[in-house]
Protein backbone atom coordinates (compact mmCIF):
# COMPACT_ATOMS: atom_id res chain seq x y z
CA MET A 1 -47.70 40.67 -26.60
CA PRO A 2 -48.29 38.29 -23.65
CA PHE A 3 -48.68 35.39 -26.06
CA LEU A 4 -45.36 36.15 -27.62
CA LEU A 5 -43.74 36.28 -24.32
CA ILE A 6 -45.15 32.92 -23.35
CA LYS A 7 -44.05 31.51 -26.73
CA TYR A 8 -40.43 32.65 -26.18
CA LEU A 9 -40.27 31.55 -22.54
CA THR A 10 -41.73 28.09 -23.21
CA THR A 11 -39.38 27.50 -26.19
CA ALA A 12 -36.35 28.77 -24.27
CA ALA A 13 -37.25 26.64 -21.22
CA LEU A 14 -37.40 23.54 -23.36
CA VAL A 15 -33.90 24.10 -24.72
CA ILE A 16 -32.65 24.81 -21.16
CA LEU A 17 -34.36 21.76 -19.82
CA ILE A 18 -32.77 19.50 -22.44
CA SER A 19 -29.31 20.98 -21.80
CA GLU A 20 -29.63 20.50 -18.01
CA VAL A 21 -30.91 16.90 -18.41
CA ALA A 22 -28.03 16.11 -20.72
CA LYS A 23 -25.49 17.32 -18.19
CA ARG A 24 -26.77 14.62 -15.82
CA SER A 25 -27.52 11.83 -18.33
CA ASP A 26 -26.23 11.55 -21.83
CA LYS A 27 -28.72 9.00 -22.90
CA PHE A 28 -31.77 10.68 -21.29
CA GLY A 29 -30.72 14.07 -22.57
CA ALA A 30 -30.26 12.68 -26.05
CA LEU A 31 -33.67 10.89 -25.85
CA ILE A 32 -35.43 14.11 -24.93
CA ALA A 33 -33.52 16.08 -27.64
CA SER A 34 -34.45 13.51 -30.24
CA LEU A 35 -38.11 13.85 -29.58
CA PRO A 36 -39.84 16.22 -31.99
CA LEU A 37 -40.60 18.69 -29.16
CA VAL A 38 -39.55 21.77 -31.08
CA THR A 39 -41.64 20.66 -34.06
CA LEU A 40 -44.61 20.02 -31.81
CA LEU A 41 -44.21 23.40 -30.19
CA THR A 42 -44.04 24.97 -33.61
CA LEU A 43 -47.23 23.16 -34.65
CA PHE A 44 -48.92 24.34 -31.47
CA TRP A 45 -47.79 27.96 -32.01
CA LEU A 46 -48.98 27.85 -35.70
CA TYR A 47 -52.38 26.47 -34.54
CA PHE A 48 -52.76 29.04 -31.75
CA GLU A 49 -51.86 31.80 -34.14
CA LYS A 50 -54.66 30.55 -36.38
CA GLN A 51 -52.57 29.62 -39.34
CA PRO A 52 -54.35 27.62 -42.10
CA ASP A 53 -54.32 23.85 -41.77
CA SER A 54 -52.43 23.61 -45.03
CA LYS A 55 -49.56 25.59 -43.52
CA ILE A 56 -49.46 23.44 -40.34
CA ALA A 57 -49.58 20.26 -42.47
CA ASN A 58 -46.82 21.49 -44.82
CA HIS A 59 -44.62 22.32 -41.81
CA ALA A 60 -44.83 18.76 -40.48
CA TYR A 61 -44.34 17.30 -44.07
CA TYR A 62 -41.27 19.29 -44.87
CA THR A 63 -39.81 18.75 -41.38
CA PHE A 64 -39.78 15.03 -42.12
CA TRP A 65 -37.86 15.57 -45.31
CA TYR A 66 -35.41 18.08 -43.74
CA VAL A 67 -34.55 15.75 -40.83
CA VAL A 68 -33.29 12.95 -43.04
CA PRO A 69 -30.14 14.67 -44.35
CA THR A 70 -29.10 15.74 -40.81
CA MET A 71 -28.64 12.10 -39.72
CA PRO A 72 -24.98 11.66 -41.06
CA MET A 73 -23.90 14.59 -38.89
CA PHE A 74 -25.03 12.76 -35.74
CA LEU A 75 -22.93 9.76 -36.72
CA VAL A 76 -19.85 11.63 -37.68
CA PHE A 77 -19.78 14.37 -35.02
CA PRO A 78 -18.57 12.18 -32.10
CA GLN A 79 -15.53 10.94 -34.12
CA LEU A 80 -14.78 14.49 -35.34
CA LEU A 81 -15.00 15.81 -31.82
CA GLN A 82 -12.46 13.34 -30.57
CA ARG A 83 -10.01 13.96 -33.36
CA PHE A 84 -10.25 17.72 -34.04
CA GLY A 85 -11.96 19.38 -31.06
CA PHE A 86 -15.39 21.01 -30.64
CA TRP A 87 -15.19 24.00 -33.12
CA ALA A 88 -13.69 21.99 -35.93
CA ALA A 89 -16.18 19.27 -35.35
CA ILE A 90 -19.07 21.71 -35.51
CA ALA A 91 -17.75 23.33 -38.64
CA CYS A 92 -17.21 19.98 -40.38
CA SER A 93 -20.69 18.83 -39.22
CA VAL A 94 -22.34 21.86 -40.70
CA MET A 95 -20.58 21.25 -43.98
CA ILE A 96 -21.54 17.60 -43.98
CA THR A 97 -25.13 18.57 -43.29
CA VAL A 98 -25.22 21.16 -46.17
CA ILE A 99 -23.61 18.64 -48.62
CA SER A 100 -26.03 15.88 -47.38
CA PHE A 101 -28.94 18.22 -47.81
CA GLY A 102 -27.94 19.23 -51.31
CA LEU A 103 -27.48 15.61 -52.38
CA PHE A 104 -30.73 14.57 -50.72
CA ALA A 105 -32.73 17.44 -52.26
CA PHE A 106 -31.37 16.38 -55.65
CA VAL A 107 -32.38 12.80 -55.17
CA ALA A 108 -35.77 13.66 -53.56
CA ARG A 109 -36.65 15.92 -56.57
CA ARG A 110 -36.44 12.86 -58.80
CA PHE A 111 -39.21 11.30 -56.62
CA GLY A 112 -41.41 14.39 -56.78
CA VAL A 113 -40.35 16.01 -53.44
CA ASP A 114 -39.27 19.58 -54.02
CA LEU A 115 -37.18 20.75 -51.04
CA LEU A 116 -35.55 23.84 -52.52
């Protein structure tokens, strides 16, 4: 139980830290958020929980492939936010990400990468 509490508090602190830094500096906040900190924490948690190396490696491998279709959302969100406001921009960004993921998974499958 103490490990689980440490796990939750560390992960929550990271998200809070990023949002606080982003309030003060757009660029530095984005830089920290773009680092694979959550993925690294997840790899640490899997390792500390004695998960097999294959599970840890698969997590890193699939994370790479799942990040690629999220990129269009980061490009389109700022324009959507200016035109339609926060909630509509978020909703459209989610739809764009889902569509991008579906298309990317279809193309990736042709190259032997099974994402679904």
